[in-house]
């Protein structure tokens, strides 16, 4: 089982911009396509970490049940 995300890159006068279709907030830019790809990997990690931290703050001290989820993409 794997989660599949879609990275999108576009050439612009300043270089390249990139984002992940399924993950709002995960976007970046770079002078080259390789730099944009690398920056986007870091942006994905930062967005997921920030979302996790925000969630943990919101439920802190509450009685919750946590479960892992694995998504199968067709």
PDB file of N, CA and C in Angstrom:
ATOM      1  N   UNK A   1       0.839  -1.176   0.000  1.00  0.00           N
ATOM      2  CA  UNK A   1       0.000   0.000   0.000  1.00  0.00           C
ATOM      3  C   UNK A   1       0.887   1.244   0.000  1.00  0.00           C
ATOM      4  N   UNK A   2       0.569   2.159  -0.872  1.00  0.00           N
ATOM      5  CA  UNK A   2       1.357   3.373  -0.966  1.00  0.00           C
ATOM      6  C   UNK A   2       0.454   4.550  -1.267  1.00  0.00           C
ATOM      7  N   UNK A   3       0.807   5.674  -0.740  1.00  0.00           N
ATOM      8  CA  UNK A   3       0.119   6.922  -1.049  1.00  0.00           C
ATOM      9  C   UNK A   3       0.873   7.581  -2.190  1.00  0.00           C
ATOM     10  N   UNK A   4       0.177   7.935  -3.234  1.00  0.00           N
ATOM     11  CA  UNK A   4       0.807   8.546  -4.398  1.00  0.00           C
ATOM     12  C   UNK A   4       0.370  10.001  -4.490  1.00  0.00           C
ATOM     13  N   UNK A   5       1.348  10.914  -4.488  1.00  0.00           N
ATOM     14  CA  UNK A   5       1.072  12.336  -4.640  1.00  0.00           C
ATOM     15  C   UNK A   5       1.593  12.789  -6.004  1.00  0.00           C
ATOM     16  N   UNK A   6       1.039  13.873  -6.505  1.00  0.00           N
ATOM     17  CA  UNK A   6       1.420  14.365  -7.817  1.00  0.00           C
ATOM     18  C   UNK A   6       2.142  15.700  -7.706  1.00  0.00           C
ATOM     19  N   UNK A   7       3.421  15.719  -8.118  1.00  0.00           N
ATOM     20  CA  UNK A   7       4.192  16.958  -8.160  1.00  0.00           C
ATOM     21  C   UNK A   7       4.013  17.587  -9.535  1.00  0.00           C
ATOM     22  N   UNK A   8       3.804  18.900  -9.557  1.00  0.00           N
ATOM     23  CA  UNK A   8       3.618  19.635 -10.804  1.00  0.00           C
ATOM     24  C   UNK A   8       4.669  20.741 -10.860  1.00  0.00           C
ATOM     25  N   UNK A   9       5.362  20.849 -11.990  1.00  0.00           N
ATOM     26  CA  UNK A   9       6.380  21.882 -12.176  1.00  0.00           C
ATOM     27  C   UNK A   9       6.037  22.694 -13.413  1.00  0.00           C
ATOM     28  N   UNK A  10       6.347  23.980 -13.334  1.00  0.00           N
ATOM     29  CA  UNK A  10       6.096  24.864 -14.462  1.00  0.00           C
ATOM     30  C   UNK A  10       7.287  25.787 -14.648  1.00  0.00           C
ATOM     31  N   UNK A  11       7.728  25.928 -15.898  1.00  0.00           N
ATOM     32  CA  UNK A  11       8.815  26.851 -16.224  1.00  0.00           C
ATOM     33  C   UNK A  11       8.263  28.271 -16.220  1.00  0.00           C
ATOM     34  N   UNK A  12       8.941  29.166 -15.514  1.00  0.00           N
ATOM     35  CA  UNK A  12       8.598  30.582 -15.463  1.00  0.00           C
ATOM     36  C   UNK A  12       9.873  31.374 -15.749  1.00  0.00           C
ATOM     37  N   UNK A  13       9.747  32.664 -16.030  1.00  0.00           N
ATOM     38  CA  UNK A  13      10.950  33.452 -16.350  1.00  0.00           C
ATOM     39  C   UNK A  13      12.042  33.381 -15.281  1.00  0.00           C
ATOM     40  N   UNK A  14      11.654  33.243 -14.011  1.00  0.00           N
ATOM     41  CA  UNK A  14      12.622  33.202 -12.916  1.00  0.00           C
ATOM     42  C   UNK A  14      13.227  31.820 -12.694  1.00  0.00           C
ATOM     43  N   UNK A  15      12.727  30.801 -13.362  1.00  0.00           N
ATOM     44  CA  UNK A  15      13.202  29.426 -13.166  1.00  0.00           C
ATOM     45  C   UNK A  15      12.041  28.458 -13.244  1.00  0.00           C
ATOM     46  N   UNK A  16      11.760  27.775 -12.118  1.00  0.00           N
ATOM     47  CA  UNK A  16      10.665  26.806 -12.064  1.00  0.00           C
ATOM     48  C   UNK A  16       9.885  26.992 -10.768  1.00  0.00           C
ATOM     49  N   UNK A  17       8.579  26.793 -10.857  1.00  0.00           N
ATOM     50  CA  UNK A  17       7.742  26.715  -9.667  1.00  0.00           C
ATOM     51  C   UNK A  17       7.206  25.289  -9.591  1.00  0.00           C
ATOM     52  N   UNK A  18       6.879  24.856  -8.394  1.00  0.00           N
ATOM     53  CA  UNK A  18       6.362  23.506  -8.226  1.00  0.00           C
ATOM     54  C   UNK A  18       5.404  23.431  -7.064  1.00  0.00           C
ATOM     55  N   UNK A  19       4.466  22.492  -7.148  1.00  0.00           N
ATOM     56  CA  UNK A  19       3.516  22.265  -6.066  1.00  0.00           C
ATOM     57  C   UNK A  19       3.029  20.828  -6.105  1.00  0.00           C
ATOM     58  N   UNK A  20       2.370  20.427  -5.031  1.00  0.00           N
ATOM     59  CA  UNK A  20       1.779  19.090  -4.951  1.00  0.00           C
ATOM     60  C   UNK A  20       0.265  19.254  -5.036  1.00  0.00           C
ATOM     61  N   UNK A  21      -0.337  18.623  -6.036  1.00  0.00           N
ATOM     62  CA  UNK A  21      -1.780  18.773  -6.263  1.00  0.00           C
ATOM     63  C   UNK A  21      -2.611  18.419  -5.036  1.00  0.00           C
ATOM     64  N   UNK A  22      -2.247  17.360  -4.353  1.00  0.00           N
ATOM     65  CA  UNK A  22      -3.066  16.838  -3.255  1.00  0.00           C
ATOM     66  C   UNK A  22      -2.699  17.405  -1.887  1.00  0.00           C
ATOM     67  N   UNK A  23      -1.736  18.299  -1.818  1.00  0.00           N
ATOM     68  CA  UNK A  23      -1.255  18.779  -0.520  1.00  0.00           C
ATOM     69  C   UNK A  23      -1.141  20.299  -0.539  1.00  0.00           C
ATOM     70  N   UNK A  24      -2.243  21.002  -0.251  1.00  0.00           N
ATOM     71  CA  UNK A  24      -2.197  22.470  -0.238  1.00  0.00           C
ATOM     72  C   UNK A  24      -1.095  22.980   0.687  1.00  0.00           C
ATOM     73  N   UNK A  25      -0.394  23.984   0.236  1.00  0.00           N
ATOM     74  CA  UNK A  25       0.687  24.559   1.023  1.00  0.00           C
ATOM     75  C   UNK A  25       2.052  24.027   0.658  1.00  0.00           C
ATOM     76  N   UNK A  26       2.097  22.901  -0.024  1.00  0.00           N
ATOM     77  CA  UNK A  26       3.384  22.332  -0.435  1.00  0.00           C
ATOM     78  C   UNK A  26       3.706  22.892  -1.812  1.00  0.00           C
ATOM     79  N   UNK A  27       4.414  24.016  -1.829  1.00  0.00           N
ATOM     80  CA  UNK A  27       4.802  24.641  -3.081  1.00  0.00           C
ATOM     81  C   UNK A  27       6.178  25.269  -2.922  1.00  0.00           C
ATOM     82  N   UNK A  28       6.828  25.520  -4.046  1.00  0.00           N
ATOM     83  CA  UNK A  28       8.199  26.023  -3.986  1.00  0.00           C
ATOM     84  C   UNK A  28       8.598  26.618  -5.319  1.00  0.00           C
ATOM     85  N   UNK A  29       9.848  27.038  -5.365  1.00  0.00           N
ATOM     86  CA  UNK A  29      10.431  27.528  -6.609  1.00  0.00           C
ATOM     87  C   UNK A  29      11.914  27.190  -6.619  1.00  0.00           C
ATOM     88  N   UNK A  30      12.529  27.307  -7.769  1.00  0.00           N
ATOM     89  CA  UNK A  30      13.962  27.059  -7.884  1.00  0.00           C
ATOM     90  C   UNK A  30      14.487  27.615  -9.187  1.00  0.00           C
ATOM     91  N   UNK A  31      15.769  27.875  -9.225  1.00  0.00           N
ATOM     92  CA  UNK A  31      16.386  28.390 -10.456  1.00  0.00           C
ATOM     93  C   UNK A  31      16.424  27.331 -11.547  1.00  0.00           C
ATOM     94  N   UNK A  32      16.544  26.067 -11.142  1.00  0.00           N
ATOM     95  CA  UNK A  32      16.564  24.943 -12.084  1.00  0.00           C
ATOM     96  C   UNK A  32      15.476  23.953 -11.684  1.00  0.00           C
ATOM     97  N   UNK A  33      15.158  23.051 -12.602  1.00  0.00           N
ATOM     98  CA  UNK A  33      14.166  22.017 -12.292  1.00  0.00           C
ATOM     99  C   UNK A  33      14.661  21.139 -11.156  1.00  0.00           C
ATOM    100  N   UNK A  34      15.935  20.806 -11.154  1.00  0.00           N
ATOM    101  CA  UNK A  34      16.492  19.967 -10.091  1.00  0.00           C
ATOM    102  C   UNK A  34      16.370  20.658  -8.735  1.00  0.00           C
ATOM    103  N   UNK A  35      16.655  21.966  -8.694  1.00  0.00           N
ATOM    104  CA  UNK A  35      16.533  22.715  -7.444  1.00  0.00           C
ATOM    105  C   UNK A  35      15.081  22.769  -6.987  1.00  0.00           C
ATOM    106  N   UNK A  36      14.155  22.985  -7.914  1.00  0.00           N
ATOM    107  CA  UNK A  36      12.737  23.017  -7.568  1.00  0.00           C
ATOM    108  C   UNK A  36      12.282  21.661  -7.032  1.00  0.00           C
ATOM    109  N   UNK A  37      12.754  20.582  -7.636  1.00  0.00           N
ATOM    110  CA  UNK A  37      12.403  19.231  -7.159  1.00  0.00           C
ATOM    111  C   UNK A  37      12.896  19.027  -5.729  1.00  0.00           C
ATOM    112  N   UNK A  38      14.129  19.378  -5.481  1.00  0.00           N
ATOM    113  CA  UNK A  38      14.699  19.219  -4.149  1.00  0.00           C
ATOM    114  C   UNK A  38      13.955  20.082  -3.131  1.00  0.00           C
ATOM    115  N   UNK A  39      13.684  21.324  -3.508  1.00  0.00           N
ATOM    116  CA  UNK A  39      12.966  22.229  -2.604  1.00  0.00           C
ATOM    117  C   UNK A  39      11.560  21.725  -2.308  1.00  0.00           C
ATOM    118  N   UNK A  40      10.922  21.092  -3.300  1.00  0.00           N
ATOM    119  CA  UNK A  40       9.566  20.591  -3.089  1.00  0.00           C
ATOM    120  C   UNK A  40       9.551  19.414  -2.126  1.00  0.00           C
ATOM    121  N   UNK A  41      10.560  18.560  -2.194  1.00  0.00           N
ATOM    122  CA  UNK A  41      10.645  17.454  -1.231  1.00  0.00           C
ATOM    123  C   UNK A  41      10.700  18.008   0.195  1.00  0.00           C
ATOM    124  N   UNK A  42      11.508  19.049   0.391  1.00  0.00           N
ATOM    125  CA  UNK A  42      11.609  19.680   1.708  1.00  0.00           C
ATOM    126  C   UNK A  42      10.290  20.338   2.097  1.00  0.00           C
ATOM    127  N   UNK A  43       9.617  20.978   1.144  1.00  0.00           N
ATOM    128  CA  UNK A  43       8.340  21.625   1.428  1.00  0.00           C
ATOM    129  C   UNK A  43       7.296  20.599   1.867  1.00  0.00           C
ATOM    130  N   UNK A  44       7.283  19.442   1.245  1.00  0.00           N
ATOM    131  CA  UNK A  44       6.340  18.382   1.622  1.00  0.00           C
ATOM    132  C   UNK A  44       6.575  17.970   3.072  1.00  0.00           C
ATOM    133  N   UNK A  45       7.827  17.735   3.419  1.00  0.00           N
ATOM    134  CA  UNK A  45       8.158  17.355   4.790  1.00  0.00           C
ATOM    135  C   UNK A  45       7.735  18.432   5.787  1.00  0.00           C
ATOM    136  N   UNK A  46       8.005  19.697   5.455  1.00  0.00           N
ATOM    137  CA  UNK A  46       7.663  20.794   6.362  1.00  0.00           C
ATOM    138  C   UNK A  46       6.154  20.954   6.540  1.00  0.00           C
ATOM    139  N   UNK A  47       5.387  20.812   5.460  1.00  0.00           N
ATOM    140  CA  UNK A  47       3.930  20.922   5.552  1.00  0.00           C
ATOM    141  C   UNK A  47       3.360  19.803   6.416  1.00  0.00           C
ATOM    142  N   UNK A  48       3.832  18.576   6.195  1.00  0.00           N
ATOM    143  CA  UNK A  48       3.328  17.452   7.002  1.00  0.00           C
ATOM    144  C   UNK A  48       3.702  17.620   8.470  1.00  0.00           C
ATOM    145  N   UNK A  49       4.920  18.067   8.739  1.00  0.00           N
ATOM    146  CA  UNK A  49       5.352  18.290  10.119  1.00  0.00           C
ATOM    147  C   UNK A  49       4.537  19.398  10.774  1.00  0.00           C
ATOM    148  N   UNK A  50       4.312  20.486  10.064  1.00  0.00           N
ATOM    149  CA  UNK A  50       3.533  21.601  10.611  1.00  0.00           C
ATOM    150  C   UNK A  50       2.091  21.179  10.881  1.00  0.00           C
ATOM    151  N   UNK A  51       1.494  20.423   9.961  1.00  0.00           N
ATOM    152  CA  UNK A  51       0.125  19.948  10.164  1.00  0.00           C
ATOM    153  C   UNK A  51       0.031  19.029  11.379  1.00  0.00           C
ATOM    154  N   UNK A  52       1.036  18.168  11.551  1.00  0.00           N
ATOM    155  CA  UNK A  52       1.047  17.268  12.691  1.00  0.00           C
ATOM    156  C   UNK A  52       1.146  18.059  14.000  1.00  0.00           C
ATOM    157  N   UNK A  53       2.025  19.061  14.018  1.00  0.00           N
ATOM    158  CA  UNK A  53       2.200  19.870  15.221  1.00  0.00           C
ATOM    159  C   UNK A  53       0.923  20.649  15.558  1.00  0.00           C
ATOM    160  N   UNK A  54       0.268  21.216  14.551  1.00  0.00           N
ATOM    161  CA  UNK A  54      -0.983  21.944  14.782  1.00  0.00           C
ATOM    162  C   UNK A  54      -2.061  21.020  15.329  1.00  0.00           C
ATOM    163  N   UNK A  55      -2.138  19.820  14.786  1.00  0.00           N
ATOM    164  CA  UNK A  55      -3.112  18.846  15.251  1.00  0.00           C
ATOM    165  C   UNK A  55      -2.841  18.453  16.697  1.00  0.00           C
ATOM    166  N   UNK A  56      -1.573  18.205  17.019  1.00  0.00           N
ATOM    167  CA  UNK A  56      -1.215  17.825  18.383  1.00  0.00           C
ATOM    168  C   UNK A  56      -1.551  18.932  19.371  1.00  0.00           C
ATOM    169  N   UNK A  57      -1.355  20.183  18.985  1.00  0.00           N
ATOM    170  CA  UNK A  57      -1.703  21.314  19.856  1.00  0.00           C
ATOM    171  C   UNK A  57      -3.208  21.359  20.099  1.00  0.00           C
ATOM    172  N   UNK A  58      -3.997  21.126  19.061  1.00  0.00           N
ATOM    173  CA  UNK A  58      -5.456  21.204  19.171  1.00  0.00           C
ATOM    174  C   UNK A  58      -6.033  20.104  20.052  1.00  0.00           C
ATOM    175  N   UNK A  59      -5.412  18.936  20.066  1.00  0.00           N
ATOM    176  CA  UNK A  59      -5.983  17.819  20.839  1.00  0.00           C
ATOM    177  C   UNK A  59      -5.252  17.581  22.153  1.00  0.00           C
ATOM    178  N   UNK A  60      -4.282  18.440  22.454  1.00  0.00           N
ATOM    179  CA  UNK A  60      -3.500  18.259  23.676  1.00  0.00           C
ATOM    180  C   UNK A  60      -4.422  18.221  24.899  1.00  0.00           C
ATOM    181  N   UNK A  61      -4.210  17.217  25.734  1.00  0.00           N
ATOM    182  CA  UNK A  61      -4.989  17.062  26.954  1.00  0.00           C
ATOM    183  C   UNK A  61      -6.346  16.418  26.766  1.00  0.00           C
ATOM    184  N   UNK A  62      -6.705  16.100  25.538  1.00  0.00           N
ATOM    185  CA  UNK A  62      -7.998  15.472  25.268  1.00  0.00           C
ATOM    186  C   UNK A  62      -7.824  13.960  25.152  1.00  0.00           C
ATOM    187  N   UNK A  63      -8.897  13.258  25.452  1.00  0.00           N
ATOM    188  CA  UNK A  63      -8.896  11.806  25.336  1.00  0.00           C
ATOM    189  C   UNK A  63      -9.192  11.444  23.879  1.00  0.00           C
ATOM    190  N   UNK A  64      -8.177  11.026  23.150  1.00  0.00           N
ATOM    191  CA  UNK A  64      -8.340  10.720  21.728  1.00  0.00           C
ATOM    192  C   UNK A  64      -7.798   9.325  21.430  1.00  0.00           C
ATOM    193  N   UNK A  65      -8.187   8.801  20.309  1.00  0.00           N
ATOM    194  CA  UNK A  65      -7.679   7.531  19.810  1.00  0.00           C
ATOM    195  C   UNK A  65      -6.901   7.843  18.534  1.00  0.00           C
ATOM    196  N   UNK A  66      -5.641   7.415  18.473  1.00  0.00           N
ATOM    197  CA  UNK A  66      -4.820   7.620  17.284  1.00  0.00           C
ATOM    198  C   UNK A  66      -4.652   6.290  16.561  1.00  0.00           C
ATOM    199  N   UNK A  67      -4.809   6.337  15.265  1.00  0.00           N
ATOM    200  CA  UNK A  67      -4.610   5.152  14.433  1.00  0.00           C
ATOM    201  C   UNK A  67      -3.842   5.544  13.184  1.00  0.00           C
ATOM    202  N   UNK A  68      -2.960   4.675  12.730  1.00  0.00           N
ATOM    203  CA  UNK A  68      -2.261   4.888  11.474  1.00  0.00           C
ATOM    204  C   UNK A  68      -3.207   4.544  10.334  1.00  0.00           C
ATOM    205  N   UNK A  69      -2.993   5.183   9.218  1.00  0.00           N
ATOM    206  CA  UNK A  69      -3.800   4.882   8.028  1.00  0.00           C
ATOM    207  C   UNK A  69      -2.862   4.685   6.844  1.00  0.00           C
ATOM    208  N   UNK A  70      -3.156   3.664   6.060  1.00  0.00           N
ATOM    209  CA  UNK A  70      -2.403   3.379   4.844  1.00  0.00           C
ATOM    210  C   UNK A  70      -3.390   3.402   3.700  1.00  0.00           C
ATOM    211  N   UNK A  71      -3.105   4.224   2.696  1.00  0.00           N
ATOM    212  CA  UNK A  71      -4.023   4.380   1.598  1.00  0.00           C
ATOM    213  C   UNK A  71      -3.541   3.606   0.388  1.00  0.00           C
ATOM    214  N   UNK A  72      -4.462   2.923  -0.260  1.00  0.00           N
ATOM    215  CA  UNK A  72      -4.159   2.226  -1.491  1.00  0.00           C
ATOM    216  C   UNK A  72      -4.725   3.040  -2.642  1.00  0.00           C
ATOM    217  N   UNK A  73      -3.853   3.439  -3.529  1.00  0.00           N
ATOM    218  CA  UNK A  73      -4.248   4.252  -4.667  1.00  0.00           C
ATOM    219  C   UNK A  73      -4.393   3.342  -5.891  1.00  0.00           C
ATOM    220  N   UNK A  74      -5.508   3.466  -6.574  1.00  0.00           N
ATOM    221  CA  UNK A  74      -5.752   2.631  -7.763  1.00  0.00           C
ATOM    222  C   UNK A  74      -5.035   3.183  -8.967  1.00  0.00           C
TER     223      UNK A  74
END
